[in-house]
């Protein structure tokens, strides 16, 4: 059984996801400045503007290519959002 307590609304879950992405990027010598593509999967559009506001705080002034898709469900039933990023990090950085 999965316990999923990171917030019950889309903006709260978006914040959690982006904090995790920061950790993953930093662990690999990257930041959101290195992200070239973002794919977002949403199970709801309720709270979409709040989610966009969170996302905007993390992305550079010129955000990367991105796509958002509404889906019926995600692997974790309580999850409202899943985000996939592709980053390009120069060798030797």
N, C-alpha and C. Protein backbone atom coordinates (compact mmCIF):
# COMPACT_ATOMS: atom_id res chain seq x y z
N UNK A 1 0.84 -1.18 0.00
CA UNK A 1 0.00 0.00 0.00
C UNK A 1 0.89 1.24 0.00
N UNK A 2 0.59 2.20 -0.86
CA UNK A 2 1.37 3.42 -0.98
C UNK A 2 0.72 4.53 -0.17
N UNK A 3 1.53 5.23 0.62
CA UNK A 3 1.05 6.40 1.33
C UNK A 3 1.55 7.62 0.57
N UNK A 4 0.63 8.50 0.23
CA UNK A 4 0.96 9.64 -0.60
C UNK A 4 0.44 10.89 0.08
N UNK A 5 1.28 11.55 0.86
CA UNK A 5 0.86 12.72 1.61
C UNK A 5 1.75 13.90 1.28
N UNK A 6 1.63 14.43 0.11
CA UNK A 6 2.43 15.60 -0.26
C UNK A 6 1.53 16.77 -0.61
N UNK A 7 0.28 16.65 -0.36
CA UNK A 7 -0.68 17.68 -0.70
C UNK A 7 -1.79 17.08 -1.53
N UNK A 8 -2.97 17.59 -1.30
CA UNK A 8 -4.13 17.04 -1.98
C UNK A 8 -4.56 17.86 -3.19
N UNK A 9 -3.85 18.96 -3.45
CA UNK A 9 -4.24 19.76 -4.61
C UNK A 9 -3.08 19.86 -5.59
N UNK A 10 -3.39 20.27 -6.79
CA UNK A 10 -2.41 20.30 -7.87
C UNK A 10 -1.23 21.23 -7.57
N UNK A 11 -1.45 22.47 -7.10
CA UNK A 11 -0.29 23.32 -6.80
C UNK A 11 0.65 22.72 -5.75
N UNK A 12 0.11 22.13 -4.70
CA UNK A 12 0.95 21.54 -3.65
C UNK A 12 1.76 20.37 -4.20
N UNK A 13 1.12 19.53 -5.00
CA UNK A 13 1.85 18.41 -5.59
C UNK A 13 2.87 18.89 -6.60
N UNK A 14 2.57 19.95 -7.32
CA UNK A 14 3.52 20.51 -8.29
C UNK A 14 4.77 21.00 -7.56
N UNK A 15 4.58 21.67 -6.43
CA UNK A 15 5.71 22.14 -5.64
C UNK A 15 6.59 20.97 -5.21
N UNK A 16 5.99 19.92 -4.74
CA UNK A 16 6.73 18.73 -4.31
C UNK A 16 7.52 18.12 -5.47
N UNK A 17 6.87 18.00 -6.60
CA UNK A 17 7.52 17.42 -7.78
C UNK A 17 8.72 18.26 -8.20
N UNK A 18 8.56 19.58 -8.25
CA UNK A 18 9.65 20.43 -8.69
C UNK A 18 10.80 20.46 -7.68
N UNK A 19 10.49 20.36 -6.39
CA UNK A 19 11.57 20.25 -5.40
C UNK A 19 12.36 18.96 -5.62
N UNK A 20 11.66 17.87 -5.92
CA UNK A 20 12.35 16.61 -6.22
C UNK A 20 13.19 16.74 -7.49
N UNK A 21 12.67 17.41 -8.49
CA UNK A 21 13.43 17.59 -9.73
C UNK A 21 14.69 18.40 -9.48
N UNK A 22 14.61 19.43 -8.65
CA UNK A 22 15.81 20.21 -8.30
C UNK A 22 16.86 19.28 -7.70
N UNK A 23 16.45 18.42 -6.79
CA UNK A 23 17.39 17.49 -6.15
C UNK A 23 18.03 16.55 -7.17
N UNK A 24 17.23 16.01 -8.06
CA UNK A 24 17.75 15.08 -9.07
C UNK A 24 18.70 15.80 -10.02
N UNK A 25 18.30 16.98 -10.48
CA UNK A 25 19.18 17.74 -11.38
C UNK A 25 20.50 18.08 -10.70
N UNK A 26 20.43 18.60 -9.47
CA UNK A 26 21.65 18.97 -8.75
C UNK A 26 22.55 17.77 -8.50
N UNK A 27 21.96 16.62 -8.22
CA UNK A 27 22.76 15.41 -7.98
C UNK A 27 23.51 14.98 -9.23
N UNK A 28 23.08 15.49 -10.38
CA UNK A 28 23.72 15.15 -11.65
C UNK A 28 24.44 16.34 -12.27
N UNK A 29 24.74 17.34 -11.45
CA UNK A 29 25.50 18.50 -11.92
C UNK A 29 24.72 19.41 -12.83
N UNK A 30 23.41 19.43 -12.70
CA UNK A 30 22.57 20.22 -13.60
C UNK A 30 21.62 21.11 -12.80
N UNK A 31 20.92 21.96 -13.54
CA UNK A 31 19.88 22.80 -12.96
C UNK A 31 18.78 22.94 -14.01
N UNK A 32 17.75 23.68 -13.67
CA UNK A 32 16.68 23.90 -14.66
C UNK A 32 17.18 24.69 -15.87
N UNK A 33 18.31 25.38 -15.75
CA UNK A 33 18.88 26.07 -16.91
C UNK A 33 19.34 25.07 -17.97
N UNK A 34 19.58 23.82 -17.58
CA UNK A 34 20.03 22.78 -18.50
C UNK A 34 18.89 21.96 -19.10
N UNK A 35 17.68 22.19 -18.61
CA UNK A 35 16.53 21.41 -19.09
C UNK A 35 16.12 21.90 -20.47
N UNK A 36 15.98 20.96 -21.41
CA UNK A 36 15.61 21.30 -22.78
C UNK A 36 14.19 20.86 -23.13
N UNK A 37 13.59 20.02 -22.28
CA UNK A 37 12.23 19.56 -22.55
C UNK A 37 11.56 19.14 -21.25
N UNK A 38 10.28 19.50 -21.14
CA UNK A 38 9.46 19.10 -20.00
C UNK A 38 8.18 18.47 -20.52
N UNK A 39 7.85 17.31 -19.99
CA UNK A 39 6.59 16.62 -20.31
C UNK A 39 5.81 16.50 -19.00
N UNK A 40 4.61 17.04 -18.97
CA UNK A 40 3.80 17.02 -17.75
C UNK A 40 2.53 16.22 -17.99
N UNK A 41 2.24 15.32 -17.07
CA UNK A 41 1.03 14.52 -17.11
C UNK A 41 0.16 14.94 -15.93
N UNK A 42 -1.09 15.31 -16.20
CA UNK A 42 -2.01 15.79 -15.18
C UNK A 42 -3.27 14.94 -15.19
N UNK A 43 -3.80 14.65 -14.00
CA UNK A 43 -5.07 13.92 -13.94
C UNK A 43 -6.25 14.88 -13.77
N UNK A 44 -5.96 16.16 -13.53
CA UNK A 44 -7.00 17.16 -13.35
C UNK A 44 -6.50 18.50 -13.87
N UNK A 45 -7.43 19.34 -14.26
CA UNK A 45 -7.08 20.70 -14.64
C UNK A 45 -7.48 21.68 -13.53
N UNK A 46 -8.09 21.15 -12.45
CA UNK A 46 -8.43 21.98 -11.29
C UNK A 46 -7.14 22.42 -10.62
N UNK A 47 -6.93 23.71 -10.51
CA UNK A 47 -5.71 24.23 -9.91
C UNK A 47 -4.60 24.42 -10.91
N UNK A 48 -4.92 24.38 -12.20
CA UNK A 48 -3.89 24.48 -13.24
C UNK A 48 -3.11 25.78 -13.16
N UNK A 49 -3.77 26.90 -12.92
CA UNK A 49 -3.04 28.17 -12.86
C UNK A 49 -2.07 28.18 -11.68
N UNK A 50 -2.48 27.63 -10.55
CA UNK A 50 -1.57 27.53 -9.40
C UNK A 50 -0.37 26.66 -9.72
N UNK A 51 -0.59 25.58 -10.45
CA UNK A 51 0.49 24.70 -10.88
C UNK A 51 1.44 25.43 -11.82
N UNK A 52 0.88 26.20 -12.74
CA UNK A 52 1.72 26.99 -13.66
C UNK A 52 2.55 28.02 -12.91
N UNK A 53 1.96 28.62 -11.88
CA UNK A 53 2.70 29.61 -11.08
C UNK A 53 3.88 28.96 -10.38
N UNK A 54 3.68 27.77 -9.83
CA UNK A 54 4.79 27.04 -9.18
C UNK A 54 5.87 26.75 -10.21
N UNK A 55 5.47 26.19 -11.34
CA UNK A 55 6.40 25.83 -12.41
C UNK A 55 7.24 27.03 -12.84
N UNK A 56 6.60 28.19 -12.98
CA UNK A 56 7.28 29.40 -13.44
C UNK A 56 8.38 29.84 -12.48
N UNK A 57 8.24 29.56 -11.20
CA UNK A 57 9.27 29.94 -10.22
C UNK A 57 10.55 29.15 -10.41
N UNK A 58 10.46 27.97 -10.97
CA UNK A 58 11.63 27.10 -11.12
C UNK A 58 12.31 27.23 -12.48
N UNK A 59 11.59 27.66 -13.47
CA UNK A 59 12.14 27.67 -14.83
C UNK A 59 12.83 28.99 -15.16
N UNK A 60 13.81 28.96 -16.06
CA UNK A 60 14.47 30.20 -16.48
C UNK A 60 13.49 31.09 -17.25
N UNK A 61 13.92 32.33 -17.50
CA UNK A 61 13.07 33.29 -18.20
C UNK A 61 12.60 32.77 -19.56
N UNK A 62 13.46 32.03 -20.23
CA UNK A 62 13.08 31.40 -21.49
C UNK A 62 12.92 29.91 -21.23
N UNK A 63 11.69 29.48 -20.91
CA UNK A 63 11.48 28.08 -20.55
C UNK A 63 11.73 27.13 -21.72
N UNK A 64 12.03 25.89 -21.41
CA UNK A 64 12.27 24.89 -22.46
C UNK A 64 10.97 24.48 -23.15
N UNK A 65 11.13 23.73 -24.22
CA UNK A 65 9.96 23.16 -24.89
C UNK A 65 9.19 22.33 -23.89
N UNK A 66 7.86 22.42 -23.94
CA UNK A 66 7.08 21.65 -22.96
C UNK A 66 5.75 21.22 -23.54
N UNK A 67 5.27 20.14 -22.98
CA UNK A 67 3.97 19.59 -23.36
C UNK A 67 3.26 19.19 -22.08
N UNK A 68 1.96 19.45 -22.04
CA UNK A 68 1.13 18.99 -20.92
C UNK A 68 0.00 18.15 -21.49
N UNK A 69 -0.25 17.03 -20.82
CA UNK A 69 -1.27 16.09 -21.29
C UNK A 69 -2.13 15.71 -20.10
N UNK A 70 -3.45 15.75 -20.29
CA UNK A 70 -4.32 15.25 -19.23
C UNK A 70 -4.52 13.75 -19.45
N UNK A 71 -4.35 12.99 -18.36
CA UNK A 71 -4.48 11.54 -18.41
C UNK A 71 -5.54 11.10 -17.41
N UNK A 72 -6.05 9.90 -17.57
CA UNK A 72 -7.09 9.38 -16.68
C UNK A 72 -6.53 9.08 -15.29
N UNK A 73 -5.31 8.57 -15.22
CA UNK A 73 -4.73 8.20 -13.94
C UNK A 73 -3.22 8.08 -14.07
N UNK A 74 -2.54 8.12 -12.92
CA UNK A 74 -1.10 7.89 -12.85
C UNK A 74 -0.86 6.64 -12.01
N UNK A 75 0.37 6.18 -11.96
CA UNK A 75 0.70 4.94 -11.25
C UNK A 75 0.27 4.99 -9.79
N UNK A 76 0.55 6.11 -9.13
CA UNK A 76 0.10 6.31 -7.74
C UNK A 76 -1.28 6.95 -7.83
N UNK A 77 -2.32 6.26 -7.36
CA UNK A 77 -3.69 6.75 -7.55
C UNK A 77 -3.95 8.16 -7.03
N UNK A 78 -3.27 8.56 -5.95
CA UNK A 78 -3.50 9.89 -5.37
C UNK A 78 -2.74 11.00 -6.10
N UNK A 79 -1.83 10.63 -6.97
CA UNK A 79 -1.01 11.62 -7.68
C UNK A 79 -1.85 12.36 -8.70
N UNK A 80 -1.69 13.66 -8.73
CA UNK A 80 -2.38 14.50 -9.70
C UNK A 80 -1.46 14.94 -10.83
N UNK A 81 -0.14 14.82 -10.61
CA UNK A 81 0.84 15.31 -11.59
C UNK A 81 2.07 14.43 -11.61
N UNK A 82 2.63 14.29 -12.79
CA UNK A 82 3.92 13.63 -12.98
C UNK A 82 4.67 14.47 -14.01
N UNK A 83 5.94 14.73 -13.77
CA UNK A 83 6.72 15.57 -14.67
C UNK A 83 8.00 14.84 -15.06
N UNK A 84 8.26 14.84 -16.35
CA UNK A 84 9.49 14.26 -16.90
C UNK A 84 10.30 15.39 -17.51
N UNK A 85 11.59 15.45 -17.20
CA UNK A 85 12.45 16.46 -17.81
C UNK A 85 13.63 15.81 -18.51
N UNK A 86 14.12 16.47 -19.54
CA UNK A 86 15.33 16.08 -20.24
C UNK A 86 16.30 17.25 -20.09
N UNK A 87 17.48 16.97 -19.56
CA UNK A 87 18.49 18.00 -19.39
C UNK A 87 19.73 17.63 -20.18
N UNK A 88 20.38 18.64 -20.71
CA UNK A 88 21.65 18.46 -21.43
C UNK A 88 22.72 19.19 -20.62
N UNK A 89 23.68 18.41 -20.14
CA UNK A 89 24.73 18.97 -19.30
C UNK A 89 26.05 18.86 -20.05
N UNK A 90 26.73 19.97 -20.28
CA UNK A 90 28.02 19.91 -20.98
C UNK A 90 29.02 19.03 -20.25
N UNK A 91 29.81 18.30 -21.01
CA UNK A 91 30.85 17.43 -20.45
C UNK A 91 31.87 18.32 -19.75
N UNK A 92 32.30 17.86 -18.57
CA UNK A 92 33.32 18.58 -17.86
C UNK A 92 32.80 19.64 -16.91
N UNK A 93 31.52 19.77 -16.82
CA UNK A 93 31.00 20.76 -15.89
C UNK A 93 30.96 20.19 -14.52
